[in-house]
Amino acid sequence: MSYCRWSDDCYQCDVYVYEPEDGYQIHVAKGRHESDEPIPTPPDSNAHAEDYVGYMLACLKWAERAEIKPIGLPCDGKSYGFDTPAECAEKLIELRGMGYNVPQRAIDALLEEAK
């Protein structure tokens, strides 16, 4: 099960977080998609499935035209393993504090699981 992927938030997520058989894993991206073109706007929460599909296709096209540039932070390209969801969430909070794009929903899901 993944909590977030690099393609989340229209390719703006800097971490891939998932639960393998033996704990929790974080992989930090080495680079970030950047473009002069605006990032597609996500549909609102009441949108139909077709709207989400259209958004994902627009994001894919945007990412194909974007340039991947180094993030330039200390944990670029590093991986971390944890035994508990709480430890994993703490690391995500730390990474976000350093400037990495980490979705709040991933942290929330891990903290909920830790309860």
PDB file of N, CA and C in Angstrom:
ATOM      1  N   MET A   1       0.837  -1.180   0.000  1.00  0.00           N
ATOM      2  CA  MET A   1       0.000   0.000   0.000  1.00  0.00           C
ATOM      3  C   MET A   1       0.878   1.238   0.000  1.00  0.00           C
ATOM      4  N   SER A   2       0.552   2.200  -0.863  1.00  0.00           N
ATOM      5  CA  SER A   2       1.323   3.442  -0.853  1.00  0.00           C
ATOM      6  C   SER A   2       0.514   4.552  -0.194  1.00  0.00           C
ATOM      7  N   TYR A   3       1.225   5.431   0.464  1.00  0.00           N
ATOM      8  CA  TYR A   3       0.620   6.593   1.116  1.00  0.00           C
ATOM      9  C   TYR A   3       0.705   7.810   0.202  1.00  0.00           C
ATOM     10  N   CYS A   4       1.747   7.863  -0.612  1.00  0.00           N
ATOM     11  CA  CYS A   4       1.887   8.890  -1.637  1.00  0.00           C
ATOM     12  C   CYS A   4       2.973   8.449  -2.612  1.00  0.00           C
ATOM     13  N   ARG A   5       2.884   9.003  -3.814  1.00  0.00           N
ATOM     14  CA  ARG A   5       3.839   8.689  -4.876  1.00  0.00           C
ATOM     15  C   ARG A   5       4.354   9.990  -5.480  1.00  0.00           C
ATOM     16  N   TRP A   6       5.458   9.889  -6.211  1.00  0.00           N
ATOM     17  CA  TRP A   6       6.033  11.073  -6.835  1.00  0.00           C
ATOM     18  C   TRP A   6       5.073  11.728  -7.817  1.00  0.00           C
ATOM     19  N   SER A   7       4.168  10.967  -8.402  1.00  0.00           N
ATOM     20  CA  SER A   7       3.228  11.530  -9.369  1.00  0.00           C
ATOM     21  C   SER A   7       2.048  12.247  -8.699  1.00  0.00           C
ATOM     22  N   ASP A   8       1.914  12.125  -7.384  1.00  0.00           N
ATOM     23  CA  ASP A   8       0.816  12.796  -6.682  1.00  0.00           C
ATOM     24  C   ASP A   8       0.950  14.312  -6.799  1.00  0.00           C
ATOM     25  N   ASP A   9      -0.180  14.978  -6.663  1.00  0.00           N
ATOM     26  CA  ASP A   9      -0.229  16.444  -6.707  1.00  0.00           C
ATOM     27  C   ASP A   9       0.397  16.981  -7.996  1.00  0.00           C
ATOM     28  N   CYS A  10       0.059  16.298  -9.089  1.00  0.00           N
ATOM     29  CA  CYS A  10       0.535  16.692 -10.423  1.00  0.00           C
ATOM     30  C   CYS A  10       2.068  16.711 -10.475  1.00  0.00           C
ATOM     31  N   TYR A  11       2.648  15.617 -10.005  1.00  0.00           N
ATOM     32  CA  TYR A  11       4.100  15.402 -10.047  1.00  0.00           C
ATOM     33  C   TYR A  11       4.878  16.385  -9.175  1.00  0.00           C
ATOM     34  N   GLN A  12       4.252  16.878  -8.124  1.00  0.00           N
ATOM     35  CA  GLN A  12       4.929  17.801  -7.220  1.00  0.00           C
ATOM     36  C   GLN A  12       5.307  17.156  -5.889  1.00  0.00           C
ATOM     37  N   CYS A  13       4.978  15.900  -5.693  1.00  0.00           N
ATOM     38  CA  CYS A  13       5.309  15.202  -4.453  1.00  0.00           C
ATOM     39  C   CYS A  13       6.773  14.765  -4.508  1.00  0.00           C
ATOM     40  N   ASP A  14       7.521  15.050  -3.464  1.00  0.00           N
ATOM     41  CA  ASP A  14       8.952  14.726  -3.417  1.00  0.00           C
ATOM     42  C   ASP A  14       9.253  13.405  -2.732  1.00  0.00           C
ATOM     43  N   VAL A  15       8.238  12.688  -2.289  1.00  0.00           N
ATOM     44  CA  VAL A  15       8.468  11.424  -1.580  1.00  0.00           C
ATOM     45  C   VAL A  15       7.550  10.327  -2.112  1.00  0.00           C
ATOM     46  N   TYR A  16       8.068   9.123  -2.050  1.00  0.00           N
ATOM     47  CA  TYR A  16       7.273   7.929  -2.333  1.00  0.00           C
ATOM     48  C   TYR A  16       7.261   7.155  -1.021  1.00  0.00           C
ATOM     49  N   VAL A  17       6.081   6.962  -0.462  1.00  0.00           N
ATOM     50  CA  VAL A  17       5.940   6.331   0.855  1.00  0.00           C
ATOM     51  C   VAL A  17       5.018   5.129   0.723  1.00  0.00           C
ATOM     52  N   TYR A  18       5.494   3.987   1.197  1.00  0.00           N
ATOM     53  CA  TYR A  18       4.675   2.783   1.105  1.00  0.00           C
ATOM     54  C   TYR A  18       4.997   1.829   2.248  1.00  0.00           C
ATOM     55  N   GLU A  19       4.153   0.806   2.355  1.00  0.00           N
ATOM     56  CA  GLU A  19       4.307  -0.200   3.398  1.00  0.00           C
ATOM     57  C   GLU A  19       4.637  -1.547   2.746  1.00  0.00           C
ATOM     58  N   PRO A  20       5.929  -1.905   2.731  1.00  0.00           N
ATOM     59  CA  PRO A  20       6.272  -3.241   2.257  1.00  0.00           C
ATOM     60  C   PRO A  20       5.922  -4.265   3.341  1.00  0.00           C
ATOM     61  N   GLU A  21       6.338  -5.474   3.173  1.00  0.00           N
ATOM     62  CA  GLU A  21       5.987  -6.519   4.142  1.00  0.00           C
ATOM     63  C   GLU A  21       6.595  -6.294   5.523  1.00  0.00           C
ATOM     64  N   ASP A  22       7.679  -5.556   5.604  1.00  0.00           N
ATOM     65  CA  ASP A  22       8.424  -5.464   6.863  1.00  0.00           C
ATOM     66  C   ASP A  22       8.592  -4.044   7.394  1.00  0.00           C
ATOM     67  N   GLY A  23       7.545  -3.233   7.367  1.00  0.00           N
ATOM     68  CA  GLY A  23       7.656  -1.896   7.941  1.00  0.00           C
ATOM     69  C   GLY A  23       7.138  -0.833   7.003  1.00  0.00           C
ATOM     70  N   TYR A  24       7.800   0.322   7.017  1.00  0.00           N
ATOM     71  CA  TYR A  24       7.390   1.483   6.237  1.00  0.00           C
ATOM     72  C   TYR A  24       8.616   2.047   5.545  1.00  0.00           C
ATOM     73  N   GLN A  25       8.450   2.484   4.317  1.00  0.00           N
ATOM     74  CA  GLN A  25       9.581   2.919   3.514  1.00  0.00           C
ATOM     75  C   GLN A  25       9.314   4.297   2.928  1.00  0.00           C
ATOM     76  N   ILE A  26      10.347   5.156   2.950  1.00  0.00           N
ATOM     77  CA  ILE A  26      10.303   6.467   2.307  1.00  0.00           C
ATOM     78  C   ILE A  26      11.460   6.540   1.329  1.00  0.00           C
ATOM     79  N   HIS A  27      11.156   6.942   0.097  1.00  0.00           N
ATOM     80  CA  HIS A  27      12.182   7.276  -0.892  1.00  0.00           C
ATOM     81  C   HIS A  27      12.012   8.748  -1.229  1.00  0.00           C
ATOM     82  N   VAL A  28      13.092   9.498  -1.133  1.00  0.00           N
ATOM     83  CA  VAL A  28      13.058  10.931  -1.429  1.00  0.00           C
ATOM     84  C   VAL A  28      13.566  11.133  -2.856  1.00  0.00           C
ATOM     85  N   ALA A  29      12.866  11.951  -3.610  1.00  0.00           N
ATOM     86  CA  ALA A  29      13.253  12.221  -4.995  1.00  0.00           C
ATOM     87  C   ALA A  29      14.576  12.975  -5.061  1.00  0.00           C
ATOM     88  N   LYS A  30      15.274  12.801  -6.175  1.00  0.00           N
ATOM     89  CA  LYS A  30      16.498  13.563  -6.432  1.00  0.00           C
ATOM     90  C   LYS A  30      16.183  14.873  -7.134  1.00  0.00           C
ATOM     91  N   GLY A  31      15.066  14.880  -7.891  1.00  0.00           N
ATOM     92  CA  GLY A  31      14.713  16.057  -8.668  1.00  0.00           C
ATOM     93  C   GLY A  31      13.226  16.329  -8.616  1.00  0.00           C
ATOM     94  N   ARG A  32      12.865  17.495  -9.126  1.00  0.00           N
ATOM     95  CA  ARG A  32      11.480  17.956  -9.088  1.00  0.00           C
ATOM     96  C   ARG A  32      11.113  18.499 -10.478  1.00  0.00           C
ATOM     97  N   HIS A  33       9.899  18.186 -10.932  1.00  0.00           N
ATOM     98  CA  HIS A  33       9.418  18.711 -12.209  1.00  0.00           C
ATOM     99  C   HIS A  33       9.213  20.218 -12.089  1.00  0.00           C
ATOM    100  N   GLU A  34       9.756  20.957 -13.062  1.00  0.00           N
ATOM    101  CA  GLU A  34       9.589  22.407 -13.084  1.00  0.00           C
ATOM    102  C   GLU A  34       9.299  22.847 -14.502  1.00  0.00           C
ATOM    103  N   SER A  35       8.441  23.848 -14.641  1.00  0.00           N
ATOM    104  CA  SER A  35       8.060  24.352 -15.953  1.00  0.00           C
ATOM    105  C   SER A  35       7.560  25.778 -15.826  1.00  0.00           C
ATOM    106  N   ASP A  36       7.689  26.524 -16.919  1.00  0.00           N
ATOM    107  CA  ASP A  36       7.104  27.865 -16.967  1.00  0.00           C
ATOM    108  C   ASP A  36       5.595  27.778 -17.165  1.00  0.00           C
ATOM    109  N   GLU A  37       5.124  26.623 -17.660  1.00  0.00           N
ATOM    110  CA  GLU A  37       3.689  26.416 -17.824  1.00  0.00           C
ATOM    111  C   GLU A  37       3.051  26.221 -16.457  1.00  0.00           C
ATOM    112  N   PRO A  38       1.859  26.739 -16.249  1.00  0.00           N
ATOM    113  CA  PRO A  38       1.195  26.519 -14.960  1.00  0.00           C
ATOM    114  C   PRO A  38       0.815  25.051 -14.775  1.00  0.00           C
ATOM    115  N   ILE A  39       0.851  24.604 -13.554  1.00  0.00           N
ATOM    116  CA  ILE A  39       0.445  23.246 -13.222  1.00  0.00           C
ATOM    117  C   ILE A  39      -1.074  23.158 -13.368  1.00  0.00           C
ATOM    118  N   PRO A  40      -1.583  22.084 -13.970  1.00  0.00           N
ATOM    119  CA  PRO A  40      -3.040  21.950 -14.085  1.00  0.00           C
ATOM    120  C   PRO A  40      -3.727  22.035 -12.723  1.00  0.00           C
ATOM    121  N   THR A  41      -4.908  22.609 -12.731  1.00  0.00           N
ATOM    122  CA  THR A  41      -5.684  22.769 -11.505  1.00  0.00           C
ATOM    123  C   THR A  41      -6.512  21.512 -11.255  1.00  0.00           C
ATOM    124  N   PRO A  42      -6.436  20.958 -10.047  1.00  0.00           N
ATOM    125  CA  PRO A  42      -7.225  19.749  -9.769  1.00  0.00           C
ATOM    126  C   PRO A  42      -8.718  20.062  -9.720  1.00  0.00           C
ATOM    127  N   PRO A  43      -9.530  19.070 -10.057  1.00  0.00           N
ATOM    128  CA  PRO A  43     -10.978  19.276  -9.965  1.00  0.00           C
ATOM    129  C   PRO A  43     -11.405  19.402  -8.509  1.00  0.00           C
ATOM    130  N   ASP A  44     -12.566  20.009  -8.285  1.00  0.00           N
ATOM    131  CA  ASP A  44     -13.053  20.135  -6.907  1.00  0.00           C
ATOM    132  C   ASP A  44     -13.563  18.778  -6.404  1.00  0.00           C
ATOM    133  N   SER A  45     -13.857  18.714  -5.154  1.00  0.00           N
ATOM    134  CA  SER A  45     -14.229  17.440  -4.518  1.00  0.00           C
ATOM    135  C   SER A  45     -15.546  16.866  -5.026  1.00  0.00           C
ATOM    136  N   ASN A  46     -16.367  17.666  -5.700  1.00  0.00           N
ATOM    137  CA  ASN A  46     -17.647  17.192  -6.237  1.00  0.00           C
ATOM    138  C   ASN A  46     -17.566  16.786  -7.704  1.00  0.00           C
ATOM    139  N   ALA A  47     -16.366  16.751  -8.262  1.00  0.00           N
ATOM    140  CA  ALA A  47     -16.197  16.464  -9.678  1.00  0.00           C
ATOM    141  C   ALA A  47     -16.533  15.011 -10.006  1.00  0.00           C
ATOM    142  N   HIS A  48     -16.809  14.780 -11.264  1.00  0.00           N
ATOM    143  CA  HIS A  48     -17.093  13.432 -11.756  1.00  0.00           C
ATOM    144  C   HIS A  48     -15.778  12.720 -12.077  1.00  0.00           C
ATOM    145  N   ALA A  49     -15.853  11.435 -12.225  1.00  0.00           N
ATOM    146  CA  ALA A  49     -14.665  10.624 -12.522  1.00  0.00           C
ATOM    147  C   ALA A  49     -13.967  11.107 -13.789  1.00  0.00           C
ATOM    148  N   GLU A  50     -14.745  11.517 -14.789  1.00  0.00           N
ATOM    149  CA  GLU A  50     -14.146  11.989 -16.042  1.00  0.00           C
ATOM    150  C   GLU A  50     -13.270  13.221 -15.808  1.00  0.00           C
ATOM    151  N   ASP A  51     -13.677  14.051 -14.855  1.00  0.00           N
ATOM    152  CA  ASP A  51     -12.887  15.247 -14.541  1.00  0.00           C
ATOM    153  C   ASP A  51     -11.532  14.867 -13.943  1.00  0.00           C
ATOM    154  N   TYR A  52     -11.526  13.847 -13.091  1.00  0.00           N
ATOM    155  CA  TYR A  52     -10.269  13.389 -12.495  1.00  0.00           C
ATOM    156  C   TYR A  52      -9.366  12.765 -13.546  1.00  0.00           C
ATOM    157  N   VAL A  53      -9.961  12.004 -14.456  1.00  0.00           N
ATOM    158  CA  VAL A  53      -9.174  11.399 -15.532  1.00  0.00           C
ATOM    159  C   VAL A  53      -8.563  12.493 -16.403  1.00  0.00           C
ATOM    160  N   GLY A  54      -9.359  13.497 -16.737  1.00  0.00           N
ATOM    161  CA  GLY A  54      -8.853  14.618 -17.525  1.00  0.00           C
ATOM    162  C   GLY A  54      -7.719  15.350 -16.815  1.00  0.00           C
ATOM    163  N   TYR A  55      -7.868  15.526 -15.521  1.00  0.00           N
ATOM    164  CA  TYR A  55      -6.824  16.178 -14.727  1.00  0.00           C
ATOM    165  C   TYR A  55      -5.540  15.350 -14.745  1.00  0.00           C
ATOM    166  N   MET A  56      -5.662  14.052 -14.545  1.00  0.00           N
ATOM    167  CA  MET A  56      -4.472  13.196 -14.536  1.00  0.00           C
ATOM    168  C   MET A  56      -3.776  13.201 -15.897  1.00  0.00           C
ATOM    169  N   LEU A  57      -4.544  13.197 -16.969  1.00  0.00           N
ATOM    170  CA  LEU A  57      -3.951  13.260 -18.308  1.00  0.00           C
ATOM    171  C   LEU A  57      -3.259  14.604 -18.536  1.00  0.00           C
ATOM    172  N   ALA A  58      -3.872  15.688 -18.074  1.00  0.00           N
ATOM    173  CA  ALA A  58      -3.255  17.008 -18.195  1.00  0.00           C
ATOM    174  C   ALA A  58      -1.956  17.073 -17.391  1.00  0.00           C
ATOM    175  N   CYS A  59      -1.951  16.464 -16.215  1.00  0.00           N
ATOM    176  CA  CYS A  59      -0.731  16.427 -15.395  1.00  0.00           C
ATOM    177  C   CYS A  59       0.372  15.632 -16.077  1.00  0.00           C
ATOM    178  N   LEU A  60       0.002  14.514 -16.667  1.00  0.00           N
ATOM    179  CA  LEU A  60       0.984  13.694 -17.372  1.00  0.00           C
ATOM    180  C   LEU A  60       1.598  14.478 -18.532  1.00  0.00           C
ATOM    181  N   LYS A  61       0.775  15.166 -19.294  1.00  0.00           N
ATOM    182  CA  LYS A  61       1.291  15.973 -20.401  1.00  0.00           C
ATOM    183  C   LYS A  61       2.177  17.100 -19.883  1.00  0.00           C
ATOM    184  N   TRP A  62       1.740  17.723 -18.777  1.00  0.00           N
ATOM    185  CA  TRP A  62       2.547  18.802 -18.181  1.00  0.00           C
ATOM    186  C   TRP A  62       3.914  18.261 -17.765  1.00  0.00           C
ATOM    187  N   ALA A  63       3.921  17.101 -17.108  1.00  0.00           N
ATOM    188  CA  ALA A  63       5.179  16.514 -16.626  1.00  0.00           C
ATOM    189  C   ALA A  63       6.097  16.122 -17.775  1.00  0.00           C
ATOM    190  N   GLU A  64       5.526  15.667 -18.874  1.00  0.00           N
ATOM    191  CA  GLU A  64       6.335  15.297 -20.035  1.00  0.00           C
ATOM    192  C   GLU A  64       7.056  16.503 -20.615  1.00  0.00           C
ATOM    193  N   ARG A  65       6.444  17.672 -20.539  1.00  0.00           N
ATOM    194  CA  ARG A  65       7.053  18.897 -21.072  1.00  0.00           C
ATOM    195  C   ARG A  65       7.957  19.590 -20.042  1.00  0.00           C
ATOM    196  N   ALA A  66       7.788  19.257 -18.787  1.00  0.00           N
ATOM    197  CA  ALA A  66       8.570  19.907 -17.723  1.00  0.00           C
ATOM    198  C   ALA A  66      10.008  19.380 -17.709  1.00  0.00           C
ATOM    199  N   GLU A  67      10.849  20.134 -17.079  1.00  0.00           N
ATOM    200  CA  GLU A  67      12.246  19.745 -16.887  1.00  0.00           C
ATOM    201  C   GLU A  67      12.396  19.263 -15.441  1.00  0.00           C
ATOM    202  N   ILE A  68      13.162  18.203 -15.243  1.00  0.00           N
ATOM    203  CA  ILE A  68      13.426  17.731 -13.882  1.00  0.00           C
ATOM    204  C   ILE A  68      14.724  18.371 -13.424  1.00  0.00           C
ATOM    205  N   LYS A  69      14.605  19.152 -12.370  1.00  0.00           N
ATOM    206  CA  LYS A  69      15.769  19.861 -11.836  1.00  0.00           C
ATOM    207  C   LYS A  69      16.073  19.349 -10.437  1.00  0.00           C
ATOM    208  N   PRO A  70      17.350  19.353 -10.046  1.00  0.00           N
ATOM    209  CA  PRO A  70      17.700  18.906  -8.691  1.00  0.00           C
ATOM    210  C   PRO A  70      16.942  19.718  -7.641  1.00  0.00           C
ATOM    211  N   ILE A  71      16.513  19.027  -6.598  1.00  0.00           N
ATOM    212  CA  ILE A  71      15.812  19.719  -5.513  1.00  0.00           C
ATOM    213  C   ILE A  71      16.813  20.566  -4.727  1.00  0.00           C
ATOM    214  N   GLY A  72      17.964  19.990  -4.426  1.00  0.00           N
ATOM    215  CA  GLY A  72      19.016  20.755  -3.757  1.00  0.00           C
ATOM    216  C   GLY A  72      18.918  20.791  -2.243  1.00  0.00           C
ATOM    217  N   LEU A  73      18.272  19.788  -1.664  1.00  0.00           N
ATOM    218  CA  LEU A  73      18.172  19.701  -0.210  1.00  0.00           C
ATOM    219  C   LEU A  73      18.967  18.479   0.281  1.00  0.00           C
ATOM    220  N   PRO A  74      19.283  18.422   1.560  1.00  0.00           N
ATOM    221  CA  PRO A  74      20.202  17.400   2.076  1.00  0.00           C
ATOM    222  C   PRO A  74      19.772  15.938   1.922  1.00  0.00           C
ATOM    223  N   CYS A  75      18.503  15.661   1.784  1.00  0.00           N
ATOM    224  CA  CYS A  75      18.048  14.259   1.738  1.00  0.00           C
ATOM    225  C   CYS A  75      17.697  13.792   0.330  1.00  0.00           C
ATOM    226  N   ASP A  76      18.039  14.577  -0.682  1.00  0.00           N
ATOM    227  CA  ASP A  76      17.745  14.195  -2.065  1.00  0.00           C
ATOM    228  C   ASP A  76      18.280  12.796  -2.357  1.00  0.00           C
ATOM    229  N   GLY A  77      17.404  11.937  -2.892  1.00  0.00           N
ATOM    230  CA  GLY A  77      17.813  10.601  -3.304  1.00  0.00           C
ATOM    231  C   GLY A  77      17.992   9.585  -2.196  1.00  0.00           C
ATOM    232  N   LYS A  78      17.734   9.968  -0.968  1.00  0.00           N
ATOM    233  CA  LYS A  78      17.920   9.040   0.152  1.00  0.00           C
ATOM    234  C   LYS A  78      16.667   8.208   0.394  1.00  0.00           C
ATOM    235  N   SER A  79      16.861   7.067   1.044  1.00  0.00           N
ATOM    236  CA  SER A  79      15.765   6.186   1.416  1.00  0.00           C
ATOM    237  C   SER A  79      15.833   5.907   2.907  1.00  0.00           C
ATOM    238  N   TYR A  80      14.665   5.701   3.495  1.00  0.00           N
ATOM    239  CA  TYR A  80      14.566   5.459   4.936  1.00  0.00           C
ATOM    240  C   TYR A  80      13.566   4.340   5.196  1.00  0.00           C
ATOM    241  N   GLY A  81      13.874   3.497   6.162  1.00  0.00           N
ATOM    242  CA  GLY A  81      12.967   2.445   6.567  1.00  0.00           C
ATOM    243  C   GLY A  81      12.606   2.592   8.043  1.00  0.00           C
ATOM    244  N   PHE A  82      11.360   2.266   8.381  1.00  0.00           N
ATOM    245  CA  PHE A  82      10.872   2.410   9.750  1.00  0.00           C
ATOM    246  C   PHE A  82      10.035   1.203  10.139  1.00  0.00           C
ATOM    247  N   ASP A  83      10.013   0.932  11.422  1.00  0.00           N
ATOM    248  CA  ASP A  83       9.222  -0.182  11.951  1.00  0.00           C
ATOM    249  C   ASP A  83       7.771   0.199  12.198  1.00  0.00           C
ATOM    250  N   THR A  84       7.530   1.471  12.511  1.00  0.00           N
ATOM    251  CA  THR A  84       6.171   1.890  12.879  1.00  0.00           C
ATOM    252  C   THR A  84       5.675   3.037  11.998  1.00  0.00           C
ATOM    253  N   PRO A  85       4.359   3.167  11.866  1.00  0.00           N
ATOM    254  CA  PRO A  85       3.824   4.294  11.098  1.00  0.00           C
ATOM    255  C   PRO A  85       4.121   5.646  11.751  1.00  0.00           C
ATOM    256  N   ALA A  86       4.198   5.671  13.073  1.00  0.00           N
ATOM    257  CA  ALA A  86       4.490   6.929  13.771  1.00  0.00           C
ATOM    258  C   ALA A  86       5.900   7.425  13.433  1.00  0.00           C
ATOM    259  N   GLU A  87       6.860   6.517  13.401  1.00  0.00           N
ATOM    260  CA  GLU A  87       8.237   6.902  13.044  1.00  0.00           C
ATOM    261  C   GLU A  87       8.292   7.434  11.620  1.00  0.00           C
ATOM    262  N   CYS A  88       7.560   6.775  10.732  1.00  0.00           N
ATOM    263  CA  CYS A  88       7.520   7.193   9.336  1.00  0.00           C
ATOM    264  C   CYS A  88       6.901   8.591   9.222  1.00  0.00           C
ATOM    265  N   ALA A  89       5.806   8.827   9.923  1.00  0.00           N
ATOM    266  CA  ALA A  89       5.155  10.139   9.910  1.00  0.00           C
ATOM    267  C   ALA A  89       6.088  11.216  10.449  1.00  0.00           C
ATOM    268  N   GLU A  90       6.824  10.911  11.505  1.00  0.00           N
ATOM    269  CA  GLU A  90       7.766  11.882  12.074  1.00  0.00           C
ATOM    270  C   GLU A  90       8.821  12.275  11.047  1.00  0.00           C
ATOM    271  N   LYS A  91       9.315  11.305  10.281  1.00  0.00           N
ATOM    272  CA  LYS A  91      10.321  11.609   9.265  1.00  0.00           C
ATOM    273  C   LYS A  91       9.716  12.467   8.152  1.00  0.00           C
ATOM    274  N   LEU A  92       8.480  12.179   7.773  1.00  0.00           N
ATOM    275  CA  LEU A  92       7.830  12.995   6.749  1.00  0.00           C
ATOM    276  C   LEU A  92       7.660  14.437   7.218  1.00  0.00           C
ATOM    277  N   ILE A  93       7.320  14.612   8.477  1.00  0.00           N
ATOM    278  CA  ILE A  93       7.190  15.965   9.041  1.00  0.00           C
ATOM    279  C   ILE A  93       8.551  16.670   9.006  1.00  0.00           C
ATOM    280  N   GLU A  94       9.593  15.941   9.344  1.00  0.00           N
ATOM    281  CA  GLU A  94      10.949  16.501   9.293  1.00  0.00           C
ATOM    282  C   GLU A  94      11.322  16.890   7.862  1.00  0.00           C
ATOM    283  N   LEU A  95      11.040  16.003   6.904  1.00  0.00           N
ATOM    284  CA  LEU A  95      11.360  16.293   5.508  1.00  0.00           C
ATOM    285  C   LEU A  95      10.592  17.514   5.008  1.00  0.00           C
ATOM    286  N   ARG A  96       9.321  17.610   5.363  1.00  0.00           N
ATOM    287  CA  ARG A  96       8.529  18.776   4.957  1.00  0.00           C
ATOM    288  C   ARG A  96       9.121  20.047   5.563  1.00  0.00           C
ATOM    289  N   GLY A  97       9.561  19.975   6.800  1.00  0.00           N
ATOM    290  CA  GLY A  97      10.187  21.126   7.446  1.00  0.00           C
ATOM    291  C   GLY A  97      11.473  21.570   6.758  1.00  0.00           C
ATOM    292  N   MET A  98      12.126  20.630   6.072  1.00  0.00           N
ATOM    293  CA  MET A  98      13.352  20.945   5.334  1.00  0.00           C
ATOM    294  C   MET A  98      13.058  21.578   3.981  1.00  0.00           C
ATOM    295  N   GLY A  99      11.803  21.491   3.533  1.00  0.00           N
ATOM    296  CA  GLY A  99      11.439  22.081   2.252  1.00  0.00           C
ATOM    297  C   GLY A  99      10.950  21.106   1.204  1.00  0.00           C
ATOM    298  N   TYR A 100      10.854  19.826   1.540  1.00  0.00           N
ATOM    299  CA  TYR A 100      10.345  18.841   0.596  1.00  0.00           C
ATOM    300  C   TYR A 100       8.822  18.934   0.529  1.00  0.00           C
ATOM    301  N   ASN A 101       8.270  18.644  -0.650  1.00  0.00           N
ATOM    302  CA  ASN A 101       6.818  18.613  -0.833  1.00  0.00           C
ATOM    303  C   ASN A 101       6.302  17.259  -0.363  1.00  0.00           C
ATOM    304  N   VAL A 102       5.629  17.271   0.768  1.00  0.00           N
ATOM    305  CA  VAL A 102       5.084  16.063   1.386  1.00  0.00           C
ATOM    306  C   VAL A 102       3.598  16.283   1.614  1.00  0.00           C
ATOM    307  N   PRO A 103       2.751  15.452   1.017  1.00  0.00           N
ATOM    308  CA  PRO A 103       1.309  15.635   1.206  1.00  0.00           C
ATOM    309  C   PRO A 103       0.875  15.396   2.655  1.00  0.00           C
ATOM    310  N   GLN A 104       0.083  16.314   3.174  1.00  0.00           N
ATOM    311  CA  GLN A 104      -0.423  16.178   4.539  1.00  0.00           C
ATOM    312  C   GLN A 104      -1.229  14.897   4.701  1.00  0.00           C
ATOM    313  N   ARG A 105      -1.939  14.480   3.643  1.00  0.00           N
ATOM    314  CA  ARG A 105      -2.771  13.278   3.736  1.00  0.00           C
ATOM    315  C   ARG A 105      -1.935  12.033   4.036  1.00  0.00           C
ATOM    316  N   ALA A 106      -0.688  11.992   3.578  1.00  0.00           N
ATOM    317  CA  ALA A 106       0.193  10.851   3.861  1.00  0.00           C
ATOM    318  C   ALA A 106       0.553  10.839   5.350  1.00  0.00           C
ATOM    319  N   ILE A 107       0.878  11.991   5.886  1.00  0.00           N
ATOM    320  CA  ILE A 107       1.201  12.095   7.311  1.00  0.00           C
ATOM    321  C   ILE A 107      -0.025  11.720   8.136  1.00  0.00           C
ATOM    322  N   ASP A 108      -1.179  12.274   7.772  1.00  0.00           N
ATOM    323  CA  ASP A 108      -2.413  11.988   8.511  1.00  0.00           C
ATOM    324  C   ASP A 108      -2.744  10.495   8.507  1.00  0.00           C
ATOM    325  N   ALA A 109      -2.591   9.856   7.354  1.00  0.00           N
ATOM    326  CA  ALA A 109      -2.902   8.420   7.254  1.00  0.00           C
ATOM    327  C   ALA A 109      -1.979   7.582   8.146  1.00  0.00           C
ATOM    328  N   LEU A 110      -0.703   7.947   8.172  1.00  0.00           N
ATOM    329  CA  LEU A 110       0.251   7.222   9.016  1.00  0.00           C
ATOM    330  C   LEU A 110      -0.041   7.450  10.502  1.00  0.00           C
ATOM    331  N   LEU A 111      -0.356   8.686  10.870  1.00  0.00           N
ATOM    332  CA  LEU A 111      -0.675   8.974  12.277  1.00  0.00           C
ATOM    333  C   LEU A 111      -1.965   8.266  12.711  1.00  0.00           C
ATOM    334  N   GLU A 112      -2.921   8.201  11.807  1.00  0.00           N
ATOM    335  CA  GLU A 112      -4.169   7.480  12.109  1.00  0.00           C
ATOM    336  C   GLU A 112      -3.887   5.989  12.300  1.00  0.00           C
ATOM    337  N   GLU A 113      -3.052   5.458  11.459  1.00  0.00           N
ATOM    338  CA  GLU A 113      -2.691   4.048  11.571  1.00  0.00           C
ATOM    339  C   GLU A 113      -1.932   3.774  12.866  1.00  0.00           C
ATOM    340  N   ALA A 114      -1.187   4.753  13.348  1.00  0.00           N
ATOM    341  CA  ALA A 114      -0.397   4.572  14.571  1.00  0.00           C
ATOM    342  C   ALA A 114      -1.267   4.500  15.816  1.00  0.00           C
ATOM    343  N   LYS A 115      -2.509   4.974  15.735  1.00  0.00           N
ATOM    344  CA  LYS A 115      -3.397   4.977  16.901  1.00  0.00           C
ATOM    345  C   LYS A 115      -3.790   3.569  17.306  1.00  0.00           C
TER     346      LYS A 115
END
